[in-house]
Structure formats: C-alpha cells, structure tokens
Amino acid sequence: MNPVPAFPSVADAMAAVQAGLRFLAAADATRMSAQAQAEAHQVVIHQWGWTVVLNPDGTTTAWNKDKTKVIHSHSPPIRPG
C-alpha cells in the first residue's frame, strides 16, 4: 500500500478526496475485491482520518478530523412518483 501523498495544495488534496469519493460512490462494493475495499478504508479512514457515512437516502457524506472539510457524494436519488 502506498503512503499518504504530499499534495502541493489543499485544493489538490480536496480534488483527490472528491475523486476517490466519486469512485467509491459509483462502485458496486459487492463487486470490489476485499483487498480494494480494505485499501480504500485504510487510506481514507486511518491514514487521512476522515469519517464517511452512508446516509439513509443513499448518498454518502465525508468529513475530516476537525470537520473543516465536508464532502457530499451526490444529490439524493430521485424518487418515482
């Protein structure tokens, strides 16, 4: 597993986090290998110190340790009717 990268700016770091969340939001976790799931968890939760939650509406929300950065995966799915 790779160590945490040193980003040149906060904007670059946030772009990487958002890209990772978009990937995870679009991924079917049941089709990800156990190793891929473990690596994503290890980096985002343990190395970067983020908290990630799955909301009841199917979206995900993530925030850093001091809650100065909050990321929402996407808008809630449109409900029929």
N, C-alpha and C. Protein backbone atom coordinates (compact mmCIF):
# COMPACT_ATOMS: atom_id res chain seq x y z
N MET A 1 0.84 -1.17 0.00
CA MET A 1 0.00 0.00 0.00
C MET A 1 0.89 1.24 0.00
N ASN A 2 0.48 2.25 -0.76
CA ASN A 2 1.25 3.48 -0.86
C ASN A 2 1.04 4.36 0.36
N PRO A 3 2.08 5.12 0.75
CA PRO A 3 1.90 6.07 1.86
C PRO A 3 1.02 7.23 1.41
N VAL A 4 0.62 8.04 2.35
CA VAL A 4 -0.20 9.21 2.04
C VAL A 4 0.62 10.17 1.19
N PRO A 5 0.08 10.62 0.06
CA PRO A 5 0.83 11.53 -0.79
C PRO A 5 0.92 12.93 -0.18
N ALA A 6 1.96 13.65 -0.54
CA ALA A 6 2.11 15.04 -0.12
C ALA A 6 1.59 15.91 -1.26
N PHE A 7 0.41 16.49 -1.09
CA PHE A 7 -0.18 17.30 -2.13
C PHE A 7 0.41 18.71 -2.10
N PRO A 8 0.56 19.34 -3.26
CA PRO A 8 1.13 20.68 -3.29
C PRO A 8 0.20 21.76 -2.73
N SER A 9 -1.09 21.46 -2.67
CA SER A 9 -2.03 22.45 -2.15
C SER A 9 -3.25 21.76 -1.56
N VAL A 10 -4.00 22.51 -0.78
CA VAL A 10 -5.25 21.99 -0.21
C VAL A 10 -6.22 21.67 -1.34
N ALA A 11 -6.25 22.51 -2.36
CA ALA A 11 -7.16 22.27 -3.49
C ALA A 11 -6.85 20.93 -4.17
N ASP A 12 -5.56 20.63 -4.33
CA ASP A 12 -5.19 19.34 -4.93
C ASP A 12 -5.58 18.17 -4.04
N ALA A 13 -5.40 18.34 -2.74
CA ALA A 13 -5.78 17.28 -1.80
C ALA A 13 -7.29 17.05 -1.83
N MET A 14 -8.06 18.14 -1.82
CA MET A 14 -9.52 18.01 -1.86
C MET A 14 -9.98 17.38 -3.17
N ALA A 15 -9.33 17.72 -4.26
CA ALA A 15 -9.68 17.13 -5.55
C ALA A 15 -9.46 15.61 -5.51
N ALA A 16 -8.38 15.18 -4.87
CA ALA A 16 -8.10 13.75 -4.75
C ALA A 16 -9.15 13.06 -3.89
N VAL A 17 -9.53 13.69 -2.79
CA VAL A 17 -10.56 13.11 -1.91
C VAL A 17 -11.88 13.02 -2.66
N GLN A 18 -12.25 14.08 -3.37
CA GLN A 18 -13.51 14.07 -4.11
C GLN A 18 -13.50 13.02 -5.20
N ALA A 19 -12.38 12.88 -5.90
CA ALA A 19 -12.28 11.85 -6.94
C ALA A 19 -12.44 10.46 -6.33
N GLY A 20 -11.81 10.25 -5.18
CA GLY A 20 -11.94 8.96 -4.50
C GLY A 20 -13.37 8.68 -4.07
N LEU A 21 -14.04 9.69 -3.54
CA LEU A 21 -15.43 9.51 -3.13
C LEU A 21 -16.34 9.26 -4.33
N ARG A 22 -16.08 9.96 -5.44
CA ARG A 22 -16.88 9.70 -6.65
C ARG A 22 -16.69 8.26 -7.11
N PHE A 23 -15.45 7.79 -7.06
CA PHE A 23 -15.17 6.41 -7.45
C PHE A 23 -15.92 5.44 -6.54
N LEU A 24 -15.82 5.66 -5.24
CA LEU A 24 -16.47 4.76 -4.29
C LEU A 24 -17.99 4.84 -4.40
N ALA A 25 -18.53 6.04 -4.64
CA ALA A 25 -19.98 6.19 -4.77
C ALA A 25 -20.49 5.46 -6.00
N ALA A 26 -19.69 5.45 -7.07
CA ALA A 26 -20.12 4.80 -8.31
C ALA A 26 -19.84 3.31 -8.30
N ALA A 27 -18.94 2.89 -7.44
CA ALA A 27 -18.53 1.48 -7.41
C ALA A 27 -19.59 0.64 -6.73
N ASP A 28 -19.73 -0.56 -7.20
CA ASP A 28 -20.59 -1.54 -6.55
C ASP A 28 -19.70 -2.31 -5.58
N ALA A 29 -19.85 -2.00 -4.30
CA ALA A 29 -18.96 -2.60 -3.30
C ALA A 29 -18.99 -4.12 -3.34
N THR A 30 -20.10 -4.69 -3.78
CA THR A 30 -20.17 -6.15 -3.85
C THR A 30 -19.28 -6.70 -4.95
N ARG A 31 -18.89 -5.84 -5.89
CA ARG A 31 -18.02 -6.27 -6.98
C ARG A 31 -16.55 -5.88 -6.75
N MET A 32 -16.30 -5.10 -5.70
CA MET A 32 -14.93 -4.75 -5.37
C MET A 32 -14.30 -5.91 -4.60
N SER A 33 -13.04 -6.14 -4.88
CA SER A 33 -12.37 -7.19 -4.12
C SER A 33 -12.26 -6.77 -2.67
N ALA A 34 -12.13 -7.73 -1.80
CA ALA A 34 -11.96 -7.43 -0.38
C ALA A 34 -10.71 -6.58 -0.18
N GLN A 35 -9.67 -6.83 -0.97
CA GLN A 35 -8.45 -6.05 -0.85
C GLN A 35 -8.68 -4.60 -1.26
N ALA A 36 -9.43 -4.37 -2.34
CA ALA A 36 -9.72 -2.99 -2.77
C ALA A 36 -10.54 -2.26 -1.72
N GLN A 37 -11.52 -2.94 -1.13
CA GLN A 37 -12.31 -2.33 -0.06
C GLN A 37 -11.44 -1.99 1.14
N ALA A 38 -10.57 -2.90 1.51
CA ALA A 38 -9.70 -2.69 2.67
C ALA A 38 -8.72 -1.55 2.42
N GLU A 39 -8.18 -1.47 1.21
CA GLU A 39 -7.24 -0.40 0.90
C GLU A 39 -7.92 0.96 0.92
N ALA A 40 -9.12 1.05 0.36
CA ALA A 40 -9.86 2.32 0.38
C ALA A 40 -10.15 2.72 1.82
N HIS A 41 -10.59 1.79 2.61
CA HIS A 41 -10.87 2.06 4.03
C HIS A 41 -9.59 2.51 4.75
N GLN A 42 -8.51 1.79 4.55
CA GLN A 42 -7.25 2.09 5.22
C GLN A 42 -6.79 3.52 4.94
N VAL A 43 -6.83 3.91 3.68
CA VAL A 43 -6.34 5.23 3.30
C VAL A 43 -7.26 6.33 3.81
N VAL A 44 -8.53 6.25 3.47
CA VAL A 44 -9.45 7.35 3.80
C VAL A 44 -9.69 7.47 5.30
N ILE A 45 -9.92 6.36 5.97
CA ILE A 45 -10.27 6.41 7.39
C ILE A 45 -9.04 6.49 8.28
N HIS A 46 -8.08 5.60 8.09
CA HIS A 46 -6.97 5.51 9.04
C HIS A 46 -5.80 6.44 8.72
N GLN A 47 -5.46 6.57 7.44
CA GLN A 47 -4.33 7.43 7.11
C GLN A 47 -4.74 8.90 7.03
N TRP A 48 -5.87 9.18 6.40
CA TRP A 48 -6.30 10.57 6.24
C TRP A 48 -7.17 11.03 7.40
N GLY A 49 -7.71 10.10 8.19
CA GLY A 49 -8.50 10.46 9.36
C GLY A 49 -9.91 10.96 9.06
N TRP A 50 -10.46 10.58 7.92
CA TRP A 50 -11.80 11.02 7.55
C TRP A 50 -12.86 10.10 8.14
N THR A 51 -14.05 10.65 8.31
CA THR A 51 -15.22 9.88 8.68
C THR A 51 -16.13 9.85 7.45
N VAL A 52 -16.62 8.68 7.10
CA VAL A 52 -17.51 8.53 5.94
C VAL A 52 -18.76 7.83 6.42
N VAL A 53 -19.92 8.40 6.07
CA VAL A 53 -21.19 7.77 6.45
C VAL A 53 -22.06 7.58 5.22
N LEU A 54 -22.83 6.51 5.24
CA LEU A 54 -23.85 6.26 4.23
C LEU A 54 -25.16 6.77 4.81
N ASN A 55 -25.73 7.77 4.16
CA ASN A 55 -26.98 8.38 4.63
C ASN A 55 -28.18 7.52 4.23
N PRO A 56 -29.30 7.65 4.93
CA PRO A 56 -30.48 6.85 4.62
C PRO A 56 -30.99 7.02 3.18
N ASP A 57 -30.70 8.18 2.56
CA ASP A 57 -31.18 8.42 1.20
C ASP A 57 -30.25 7.86 0.12
N GLY A 58 -29.19 7.16 0.53
CA GLY A 58 -28.29 6.53 -0.43
C GLY A 58 -27.06 7.37 -0.77
N THR A 59 -26.98 8.60 -0.28
CA THR A 59 -25.81 9.43 -0.51
C THR A 59 -24.76 9.13 0.55
N THR A 60 -23.55 9.60 0.33
CA THR A 60 -22.52 9.49 1.33
C THR A 60 -22.04 10.89 1.70
N THR A 61 -21.61 11.03 2.94
CA THR A 61 -21.05 12.28 3.43
C THR A 61 -19.74 11.94 4.12
N ALA A 62 -18.72 12.76 3.87
CA ALA A 62 -17.41 12.55 4.49
C ALA A 62 -16.93 13.87 5.07
N TRP A 63 -16.19 13.77 6.19
CA TRP A 63 -15.58 14.96 6.75
C TRP A 63 -14.24 14.59 7.37
N ASN A 64 -13.36 15.60 7.42
CA ASN A 64 -12.05 15.38 8.00
C ASN A 64 -12.11 15.46 9.52
N LYS A 65 -10.97 15.26 10.17
CA LYS A 65 -10.93 15.17 11.64
C LYS A 65 -11.53 16.38 12.33
N ASP A 66 -11.18 17.57 11.84
CA ASP A 66 -11.67 18.77 12.53
C ASP A 66 -12.93 19.36 11.89
N LYS A 67 -13.51 18.61 10.97
CA LYS A 67 -14.77 18.98 10.30
C LYS A 67 -14.70 20.32 9.58
N THR A 68 -13.50 20.68 9.10
CA THR A 68 -13.37 21.89 8.31
C THR A 68 -13.64 21.63 6.84
N LYS A 69 -13.64 20.37 6.45
CA LYS A 69 -13.94 19.97 5.07
C LYS A 69 -15.05 18.93 5.12
N VAL A 70 -16.13 19.19 4.41
CA VAL A 70 -17.25 18.25 4.32
C VAL A 70 -17.56 18.03 2.85
N ILE A 71 -17.69 16.77 2.47
CA ILE A 71 -17.96 16.42 1.07
C ILE A 71 -19.20 15.54 1.01
N HIS A 72 -20.09 15.88 0.09
CA HIS A 72 -21.29 15.07 -0.16
C HIS A 72 -21.10 14.39 -1.50
N SER A 73 -21.43 13.12 -1.58
CA SER A 73 -21.16 12.34 -2.79
C SER A 73 -21.97 12.83 -3.99
N HIS A 74 -23.25 13.03 -3.80
CA HIS A 74 -24.12 13.43 -4.90
C HIS A 74 -25.49 13.75 -4.32
N SER A 75 -26.34 14.28 -5.17
CA SER A 75 -27.71 14.55 -4.71
C SER A 75 -28.42 13.24 -4.45
N PRO A 76 -29.42 13.26 -3.57
CA PRO A 76 -30.19 12.02 -3.33
C PRO A 76 -30.84 11.56 -4.63
N PRO A 77 -31.05 10.25 -4.76
CA PRO A 77 -31.73 9.72 -5.95
C PRO A 77 -33.15 10.28 -6.05
N ILE A 78 -33.59 10.49 -7.27
CA ILE A 78 -34.96 10.97 -7.50
C ILE A 78 -35.92 9.82 -7.27
N ARG A 79 -36.90 10.06 -6.47
CA ARG A 79 -37.89 9.01 -6.17
C ARG A 79 -39.03 9.08 -7.18
N PRO A 80 -39.44 7.93 -7.68
CA PRO A 80 -40.54 7.94 -8.67
C PRO A 80 -41.85 8.42 -8.03
N GLY A 81 -42.65 9.05 -8.88
CA GLY A 81 -43.97 9.43 -8.40
C GLY A 81 -44.11 10.86 -8.30
